[in-house]
Amino acid sequence: MSSAVPDTWQDFIASPARSVALRWLSAMLGDVADEATQTALAQHPRFEQRLVERLIAQHKLTPPAALPVPAEEDIALFRLSPDAGSDLVRHCGMICHAPLFVREIRAPRVVALKERFGEAPFLAALANRELAIVDTGNAHVDDDALAHAVQRDGLACFAVWLSRQPTELANWLRLGIAEDRRLSQAQGTSQEASPDDLEIAPAVREKGIDIVRRAASAMLKRGELTP
């Protein structure tokens, strides 16, 4: 943690509701309006403070101003859209398995992989191949098996990163980008046994935090910011 408070963290403190998924905000607002209006109300200064106060009370959250300041390279996750969790997992998983994407040089195959997994995660995997957790030994893995491995190891990376965050910060993230319940089950496992439905390989425990940080940085550069 840093003693200086970066401007990017001050932005979160000033407007934490932007990092909360709409369904949690809607629960606070009730059936007062349609989705577009609820989003506008949640971002309006007059209403946001009241929403944040209700969120804090309902979910027993630490007030933003009292939160520990994250490491500078972790603040990126508080700047991503609260709906970007699945995209972050895909980025992480594809970085884990980068050699399986990097080795492809046939144009039709590259196009097919980009269509299946997304061009942005594909490029992130190529750019961060040194963080890969696997080699190219399984050269004939089919796309369905690869998709399963990407999801499994991407989620595991995110779980490892989340388990290293202070509880006060993780609780806020669980209302947004870290909503997946499997991440909550993994919180606190650290170096202990993984939950039954979440496999965490030793290499993921070693590299997972760096992989998440690189993936989040790539997504920020692409513009997946909070509203």
C-alpha atoms as a PDB file:
ATOM      1  CA  MET A   1       0.000   0.000   0.000  1.00  0.00           C
ATOM      2  CA  SER A   2       1.156   3.493  -0.731  1.00  0.00           C
ATOM      3  CA  SER A   3       0.974   6.477   1.639  1.00  0.00           C
ATOM      4  CA  ALA A   4       0.329   8.888  -1.227  1.00  0.00           C
ATOM      5  CA  VAL A   5      -3.188   8.791  -2.642  1.00  0.00           C
ATOM      6  CA  PRO A   6      -3.152   8.670  -6.467  1.00  0.00           C
ATOM      7  CA  ASP A   7      -5.665  10.796  -8.338  1.00  0.00           C
ATOM      8  CA  THR A   8      -7.125   7.654  -9.875  1.00  0.00           C
ATOM      9  CA  TRP A   9      -7.993   6.368  -6.401  1.00  0.00           C
ATOM     10  CA  GLN A  10      -9.466   9.709  -5.434  1.00  0.00           C
ATOM     11  CA  ASP A  11     -11.790   9.291  -8.410  1.00  0.00           C
ATOM     12  CA  PHE A  12     -13.124   6.066  -6.916  1.00  0.00           C
ATOM     13  CA  ILE A  13     -13.567   7.622  -3.494  1.00  0.00           C
ATOM     14  CA  ALA A  14     -15.498  10.516  -5.027  1.00  0.00           C
ATOM     15  CA  SER A  15     -17.832   8.260  -7.036  1.00  0.00           C
ATOM     16  CA  PRO A  16     -17.799   4.639  -5.827  1.00  0.00           C
ATOM     17  CA  ALA A  17     -21.282   3.842  -7.173  1.00  0.00           C
ATOM     18  CA  ARG A  18     -19.853   3.842 -10.707  1.00  0.00           C
ATOM     19  CA  SER A  19     -18.014   0.623  -9.801  1.00  0.00           C
ATOM     20  CA  VAL A  20     -21.171  -1.099  -8.543  1.00  0.00           C
ATOM     21  CA  ALA A  21     -23.233  -3.304 -10.866  1.00  0.00           C
ATOM     22  CA  LEU A  22     -26.611  -1.895 -11.858  1.00  0.00           C
ATOM     23  CA  ARG A  23     -28.558  -4.700 -10.195  1.00  0.00           C
ATOM     24  CA  TRP A  24     -27.254  -3.689  -6.773  1.00  0.00           C
ATOM     25  CA  LEU A  25     -28.034  -0.042  -7.446  1.00  0.00           C
ATOM     26  CA  SER A  26     -31.482  -0.960  -8.718  1.00  0.00           C
ATOM     27  CA  ALA A  27     -32.146  -2.851  -5.490  1.00  0.00           C
ATOM     28  CA  MET A  28     -31.489   0.384  -3.617  1.00  0.00           C
ATOM     29  CA  LEU A  29     -33.694   2.443  -5.955  1.00  0.00           C
ATOM     30  CA  GLY A  30     -36.552  -0.027  -6.162  1.00  0.00           C
ATOM     31  CA  ASP A  31     -38.970   0.079  -9.093  1.00  0.00           C
ATOM     32  CA  VAL A  32     -38.848   3.833  -9.469  1.00  0.00           C
ATOM     33  CA  ALA A  33     -37.760   3.933 -13.109  1.00  0.00           C
ATOM     34  CA  ASP A  34     -36.496   1.993 -16.093  1.00  0.00           C
ATOM     35  CA  GLU A  35     -32.878   0.824 -16.387  1.00  0.00           C
ATOM     36  CA  ALA A  36     -31.614   3.897 -18.249  1.00  0.00           C
ATOM     37  CA  THR A  37     -33.161   6.251 -15.694  1.00  0.00           C
ATOM     38  CA  GLN A  38     -31.802   4.199 -12.798  1.00  0.00           C
ATOM     39  CA  THR A  39     -28.313   4.433 -14.280  1.00  0.00           C
ATOM     40  CA  ALA A  40     -28.647   8.198 -14.680  1.00  0.00           C
ATOM     41  CA  LEU A  41     -29.902   8.583 -11.112  1.00  0.00           C
ATOM     42  CA  ALA A  42     -27.064   6.449  -9.740  1.00  0.00           C
ATOM     43  CA  GLN A  43     -24.534   8.767 -11.374  1.00  0.00           C
ATOM     44  CA  HIS A  44     -26.237  12.008 -10.367  1.00  0.00           C
ATOM     45  CA  PRO A  45     -24.383  13.764  -7.520  1.00  0.00           C
ATOM     46  CA  ARG A  46     -27.654  14.464  -5.659  1.00  0.00           C
ATOM     47  CA  PHE A  47     -28.558  10.798  -5.507  1.00  0.00           C
ATOM     48  CA  GLU A  48     -25.207   9.025  -5.524  1.00  0.00           C
ATOM     49  CA  GLN A  49     -24.265   9.940  -1.967  1.00  0.00           C
ATOM     50  CA  ARG A  50     -27.564   8.601  -0.654  1.00  0.00           C
ATOM     51  CA  LEU A  51     -27.128   5.446  -2.706  1.00  0.00           C
ATOM     52  CA  VAL A  52     -23.620   4.926  -1.364  1.00  0.00           C
ATOM     53  CA  GLU A  53     -24.839   5.371   2.203  1.00  0.00           C
ATOM     54  CA  ARG A  54     -27.532   2.750   1.621  1.00  0.00           C
ATOM     55  CA  LEU A  55     -25.052   0.380  -0.004  1.00  0.00           C
ATOM     56  CA  ILE A  56     -22.696   0.752   2.958  1.00  0.00           C
ATOM     57  CA  ALA A  57     -25.504   0.016   5.419  1.00  0.00           C
ATOM     58  CA  GLN A  58     -27.027  -2.849   3.416  1.00  0.00           C
ATOM     59  CA  HIS A  59     -23.769  -4.656   2.623  1.00  0.00           C
ATOM     60  CA  LYS A  60     -21.741  -3.618   5.680  1.00  0.00           C
ATOM     61  CA  LEU A  61     -19.129  -1.886   3.531  1.00  0.00           C
ATOM     62  CA  THR A  62     -16.292   0.329   4.679  1.00  0.00           C
ATOM     63  CA  PRO A  63     -16.919   3.968   3.665  1.00  0.00           C
ATOM     64  CA  PRO A  64     -14.750   4.814   0.633  1.00  0.00           C
ATOM     65  CA  ALA A  65     -12.743   7.502   2.430  1.00  0.00           C
ATOM     66  CA  ALA A  66     -11.770   4.971   5.108  1.00  0.00           C
ATOM     67  CA  LEU A  67     -10.636   2.255   2.687  1.00  0.00           C
ATOM     68  CA  PRO A  68      -6.967   1.275   2.526  1.00  0.00           C
ATOM     69  CA  VAL A  69      -5.324   2.637  -0.606  1.00  0.00           C
ATOM     70  CA  PRO A  70      -4.631  -0.189  -3.065  1.00  0.00           C
ATOM     71  CA  ALA A  71      -1.262  -0.726  -4.682  1.00  0.00           C
ATOM     72  CA  GLU A  72      -1.060   1.610  -7.655  1.00  0.00           C
ATOM     73  CA  GLU A  73      -1.069  -1.256 -10.165  1.00  0.00           C
ATOM     74  CA  ASP A  74      -4.278  -2.634  -8.583  1.00  0.00           C
ATOM     75  CA  ILE A  75      -6.290   0.576  -8.878  1.00  0.00           C
ATOM     76  CA  ALA A  76      -6.975  -0.317 -12.507  1.00  0.00           C
ATOM     77  CA  LEU A  77      -9.555  -2.880 -11.377  1.00  0.00           C
ATOM     78  CA  PHE A  78     -11.523  -0.167  -9.579  1.00  0.00           C
ATOM     79  CA  ARG A  79     -11.583   1.843 -12.811  1.00  0.00           C
ATOM     80  CA  LEU A  80     -12.957  -0.921 -14.999  1.00  0.00           C
ATOM     81  CA  SER A  81     -16.653  -1.190 -15.762  1.00  0.00           C
ATOM     82  CA  PRO A  82     -18.496  -3.205 -13.081  1.00  0.00           C
ATOM     83  CA  ASP A  83     -19.767  -5.435 -15.916  1.00  0.00           C
ATOM     84  CA  ALA A  84     -16.256  -6.270 -17.149  1.00  0.00           C
ATOM     85  CA  GLY A  85     -15.635  -9.257 -14.877  1.00  0.00           C
ATOM     86  CA  SER A  86     -16.149 -11.948 -17.510  1.00  0.00           C
ATOM     87  CA  ASP A  87     -14.004 -10.026 -19.989  1.00  0.00           C
ATOM     88  CA  LEU A  88     -11.227  -9.723 -17.400  1.00  0.00           C
ATOM     89  CA  VAL A  89     -11.393 -13.476 -16.746  1.00  0.00           C
ATOM     90  CA  ARG A  90     -11.108 -14.150 -20.488  1.00  0.00           C
ATOM     91  CA  HIS A  91      -8.105 -11.830 -20.813  1.00  0.00           C
ATOM     92  CA  CYS A  92      -6.401 -13.544 -17.874  1.00  0.00           C
ATOM     93  CA  GLY A  93      -7.131 -17.032 -19.150  1.00  0.00           C
ATOM     94  CA  MET A  94      -5.816 -16.255 -22.606  1.00  0.00           C
ATOM     95  CA  ILE A  95      -2.616 -14.805 -21.159  1.00  0.00           C
ATOM     96  CA  CYS A  96      -2.258 -18.040 -19.167  1.00  0.00           C
ATOM     97  CA  HIS A  97      -2.500 -20.029 -22.395  1.00  0.00           C
ATOM     98  CA  ALA A  98      -0.716 -17.548 -24.645  1.00  0.00           C
ATOM     99  CA  PRO A  99       1.579 -20.145 -26.306  1.00  0.00           C
ATOM    100  CA  LEU A 100      -1.441 -21.897 -27.779  1.00  0.00           C
ATOM    101  CA  PHE A 101      -2.434 -18.639 -29.466  1.00  0.00           C
ATOM    102  CA  VAL A 102       1.032 -17.331 -30.312  1.00  0.00           C
ATOM    103  CA  ARG A 103       2.050 -20.418 -32.261  1.00  0.00           C
ATOM    104  CA  GLU A 104      -0.765 -20.004 -34.780  1.00  0.00           C
ATOM    105  CA  ILE A 105       0.471 -18.350 -37.980  1.00  0.00           C
ATOM    106  CA  ARG A 106      -2.162 -19.552 -40.431  1.00  0.00           C
ATOM    107  CA  ALA A 107      -4.387 -16.605 -41.254  1.00  0.00           C
ATOM    108  CA  PRO A 108      -7.697 -18.553 -41.281  1.00  0.00           C
ATOM    109  CA  ARG A 109      -6.858 -20.117 -37.908  1.00  0.00           C
ATOM    110  CA  VAL A 110      -5.926 -16.758 -36.374  1.00  0.00           C
ATOM    111  CA  VAL A 111      -9.196 -15.291 -37.617  1.00  0.00           C
ATOM    112  CA  ALA A 112     -11.122 -18.236 -36.160  1.00  0.00           C
ATOM    113  CA  LEU A 113      -9.434 -17.836 -32.753  1.00  0.00           C
ATOM    114  CA  LYS A 114     -10.158 -14.106 -32.671  1.00  0.00           C
ATOM    115  CA  GLU A 115     -13.789 -14.773 -33.516  1.00  0.00           C
ATOM    116  CA  ARG A 116     -14.092 -17.435 -30.818  1.00  0.00           C
ATOM    117  CA  PHE A 117     -12.190 -15.693 -28.021  1.00  0.00           C
ATOM    118  CA  GLY A 118     -12.183 -12.015 -28.997  1.00  0.00           C
ATOM    119  CA  GLU A 119      -9.550  -9.915 -30.716  1.00  0.00           C
ATOM    120  CA  ALA A 120      -8.666  -7.781 -27.676  1.00  0.00           C
ATOM    121  CA  PRO A 121      -7.936 -10.752 -25.358  1.00  0.00           C
ATOM    122  CA  PHE A 122      -6.045 -12.413 -28.225  1.00  0.00           C
ATOM    123  CA  LEU A 123      -3.780  -9.369 -28.590  1.00  0.00           C
ATOM    124  CA  ALA A 124      -3.326  -9.128 -24.814  1.00  0.00           C
ATOM    125  CA  ALA A 125      -2.209 -12.759 -24.742  1.00  0.00           C
ATOM    126  CA  LEU A 126       0.361 -12.120 -27.460  1.00  0.00           C
ATOM    127  CA  ALA A 127       1.655  -9.003 -25.718  1.00  0.00           C
ATOM    128  CA  ASN A 128       2.025 -10.747 -22.344  1.00  0.00           C
ATOM    129  CA  ARG A 129       3.133 -14.202 -23.435  1.00  0.00           C
ATOM    130  CA  GLU A 130       6.031 -14.213 -20.929  1.00  0.00           C
ATOM    131  CA  LEU A 131       3.459 -14.648 -18.129  1.00  0.00           C
ATOM    132  CA  ALA A 132       1.973 -17.813 -19.628  1.00  0.00           C
ATOM    133  CA  ILE A 133       1.533 -20.711 -17.202  1.00  0.00           C
ATOM    134  CA  VAL A 134       1.572 -23.477 -19.825  1.00  0.00           C
ATOM    135  CA  ASP A 135       3.908 -24.623 -22.583  1.00  0.00           C
ATOM    136  CA  THR A 136       2.969 -25.837 -26.043  1.00  0.00           C
ATOM    137  CA  GLY A 137       3.063 -29.511 -25.127  1.00  0.00           C
ATOM    138  CA  ASN A 138      -0.652 -30.033 -25.738  1.00  0.00           C
ATOM    139  CA  ALA A 139      -0.436 -28.986 -29.360  1.00  0.00           C
ATOM    140  CA  HIS A 140      -3.695 -30.574 -30.449  1.00  0.00           C
ATOM    141  CA  VAL A 141      -6.127 -29.218 -27.841  1.00  0.00           C
ATOM    142  CA  ASP A 142      -9.507 -28.538 -29.426  1.00  0.00           C
ATOM    143  CA  ASP A 143     -11.220 -25.176 -29.135  1.00  0.00           C
ATOM    144  CA  ASP A 144     -13.857 -26.335 -26.643  1.00  0.00           C
ATOM    145  CA  ALA A 145     -11.196 -27.724 -24.318  1.00  0.00           C
ATOM    146  CA  LEU A 146      -9.167 -24.549 -24.759  1.00  0.00           C
ATOM    147  CA  ALA A 147     -12.203 -22.399 -23.924  1.00  0.00           C
ATOM    148  CA  HIS A 148     -12.722 -24.422 -20.743  1.00  0.00           C
ATOM    149  CA  ALA A 149      -9.065 -24.004 -19.754  1.00  0.00           C
ATOM    150  CA  VAL A 150      -9.169 -20.259 -20.472  1.00  0.00           C
ATOM    151  CA  GLN A 151     -12.248 -19.845 -18.266  1.00  0.00           C
ATOM    152  CA  ARG A 152     -10.893 -22.060 -15.474  1.00  0.00           C
ATOM    153  CA  ASP A 153      -7.449 -20.491 -15.255  1.00  0.00           C
ATOM    154  CA  GLY A 154      -8.648 -16.933 -15.871  1.00  0.00           C
ATOM    155  CA  LEU A 155     -11.097 -17.248 -13.000  1.00  0.00           C
ATOM    156  CA  ALA A 156      -8.368 -18.786 -10.844  1.00  0.00           C
ATOM    157  CA  CYS A 157      -6.046 -15.845 -11.570  1.00  0.00           C
ATOM    158  CA  PHE A 158      -8.754 -13.403 -10.538  1.00  0.00           C
ATOM    159  CA  ALA A 159      -9.446 -15.422  -7.377  1.00  0.00           C
ATOM    160  CA  VAL A 160      -5.763 -15.372  -6.414  1.00  0.00           C
ATOM    161  CA  TRP A 161      -5.598 -11.603  -6.967  1.00  0.00           C
ATOM    162  CA  LEU A 162      -8.804 -11.016  -4.993  1.00  0.00           C
ATOM    163  CA  SER A 163      -7.626 -13.182  -2.103  1.00  0.00           C
ATOM    164  CA  ARG A 164      -4.608 -10.874  -1.682  1.00  0.00           C
ATOM    165  CA  GLN A 165      -6.747  -7.749  -1.369  1.00  0.00           C
ATOM    166  CA  PRO A 166      -7.811  -6.367   2.012  1.00  0.00           C
ATOM    167  CA  THR A 167     -11.313  -7.531   2.910  1.00  0.00           C
ATOM    168  CA  GLU A 168     -12.588  -3.936   2.875  1.00  0.00           C
ATOM    169  CA  LEU A 169     -11.617  -3.539  -0.783  1.00  0.00           C
ATOM    170  CA  ALA A 170     -12.750  -7.010  -1.838  1.00  0.00           C
ATOM    171  CA  ASN A 171     -16.209  -6.364  -0.411  1.00  0.00           C
ATOM    172  CA  TRP A 172     -16.687  -3.373  -2.735  1.00  0.00           C
ATOM    173  CA  LEU A 173     -15.393  -5.318  -5.732  1.00  0.00           C
ATOM    174  CA  ARG A 174     -17.887  -8.112  -5.062  1.00  0.00           C
ATOM    175  CA  LEU A 175     -20.665  -5.677  -5.903  1.00  0.00           C
ATOM    176  CA  GLY A 176     -19.163  -5.084  -9.325  1.00  0.00           C
ATOM    177  CA  ILE A 177     -16.351  -6.612 -11.304  1.00  0.00           C
ATOM    178  CA  ALA A 178     -15.866  -9.501  -8.827  1.00  0.00           C
ATOM    179  CA  GLU A 179     -19.527 -10.552  -8.580  1.00  0.00           C
ATOM    180  CA  ASP A 180     -18.895 -14.173  -9.589  1.00  0.00           C
ATOM    181  CA  ARG A 181     -19.692 -16.272  -6.521  1.00  0.00           C
ATOM    182  CA  ARG A 182     -16.800 -18.624  -7.182  1.00  0.00           C
ATOM    183  CA  LEU A 183     -14.461 -15.710  -6.492  1.00  0.00           C
ATOM    184  CA  SER A 184     -16.099 -15.137  -3.128  1.00  0.00           C
ATOM    185  CA  GLN A 185     -15.662 -18.820  -2.275  1.00  0.00           C
ATOM    186  CA  ALA A 186     -11.978 -18.515  -3.103  1.00  0.00           C
ATOM    187  CA  GLN A 187     -11.520 -15.387  -0.997  1.00  0.00           C
ATOM    188  CA  GLY A 188      -9.288 -16.224   1.911  1.00  0.00           C
ATOM    189  CA  THR A 189      -8.035 -19.530   0.489  1.00  0.00           C
ATOM    190  CA  SER A 190      -4.651 -17.938  -0.224  1.00  0.00           C
ATOM    191  CA  GLN A 191      -2.113 -20.785  -0.198  1.00  0.00           C
ATOM    192  CA  GLU A 192      -4.585 -23.236   1.330  1.00  0.00           C
ATOM    193  CA  ALA A 193      -6.783 -25.777  -0.461  1.00  0.00           C
ATOM    194  CA  SER A 194      -8.873 -24.418  -3.304  1.00  0.00           C
ATOM    195  CA  PRO A 195     -12.679 -24.675  -3.196  1.00  0.00           C
ATOM    196  CA  ASP A 196     -14.050 -27.763  -4.918  1.00  0.00           C
ATOM    197  CA  ASP A 197     -15.341 -25.930  -7.992  1.00  0.00           C
ATOM    198  CA  LEU A 198     -12.300 -23.743  -8.578  1.00  0.00           C
ATOM    199  CA  GLU A 199      -9.036 -25.344  -9.597  1.00  0.00           C
ATOM    200  CA  ILE A 200      -5.978 -23.216  -8.874  1.00  0.00           C
ATOM    201  CA  ALA A 201      -2.740 -24.565 -10.294  1.00  0.00           C
ATOM    202  CA  PRO A 202       0.564 -23.746  -8.552  1.00  0.00           C
ATOM    203  CA  ALA A 203       1.679 -21.676 -11.568  1.00  0.00           C
ATOM    204  CA  VAL A 204      -1.494 -19.585 -11.286  1.00  0.00           C
ATOM    205  CA  ARG A 205      -0.794 -18.925  -7.620  1.00  0.00           C
ATOM    206  CA  GLU A 206       2.679 -17.756  -8.631  1.00  0.00           C
ATOM    207  CA  LYS A 207       1.756 -15.590 -11.622  1.00  0.00           C
ATOM    208  CA  GLY A 208      -1.948 -14.870 -11.164  1.00  0.00           C
ATOM    209  CA  ILE A 209      -1.570 -11.433  -9.585  1.00  0.00           C
ATOM    210  CA  ASP A 210       0.710 -10.162 -12.350  1.00  0.00           C
ATOM    211  CA  ILE A 211      -1.572 -11.649 -14.991  1.00  0.00           C
ATOM    212  CA  VAL A 212      -4.618  -9.842 -13.573  1.00  0.00           C
ATOM    213  CA  ARG A 213      -2.741  -6.559 -13.422  1.00  0.00           C
ATOM    214  CA  ARG A 214      -1.570  -6.880 -17.042  1.00  0.00           C
ATOM    215  CA  ALA A 215      -5.055  -7.865 -18.208  1.00  0.00           C
ATOM    216  CA  ALA A 216      -6.702  -4.953 -16.398  1.00  0.00           C
ATOM    217  CA  SER A 217      -4.136  -2.537 -17.830  1.00  0.00           C
ATOM    218  CA  ALA A 218      -4.829  -3.806 -21.350  1.00  0.00           C
ATOM    219  CA  MET A 219      -8.558  -3.372 -20.845  1.00  0.00           C
ATOM    220  CA  LEU A 220      -8.130   0.164 -19.527  1.00  0.00           C
ATOM    221  CA  LYS A 221      -6.086   1.092 -22.569  1.00  0.00           C
ATOM    222  CA  ARG A 222      -8.949  -0.193 -24.692  1.00  0.00           C
ATOM    223  CA  GLY A 223     -11.396   2.024 -22.805  1.00  0.00           C
ATOM    224  CA  GLU A 224     -13.407  -0.367 -20.601  1.00  0.00           C
ATOM    225  CA  LEU A 225     -13.841   2.313 -17.937  1.00  0.00           C
ATOM    226  CA  THR A 226     -16.545   2.863 -15.366  1.00  0.00           C
ATOM    227  CA  PRO A 227     -19.444   4.904 -16.771  1.00  0.00           C
END
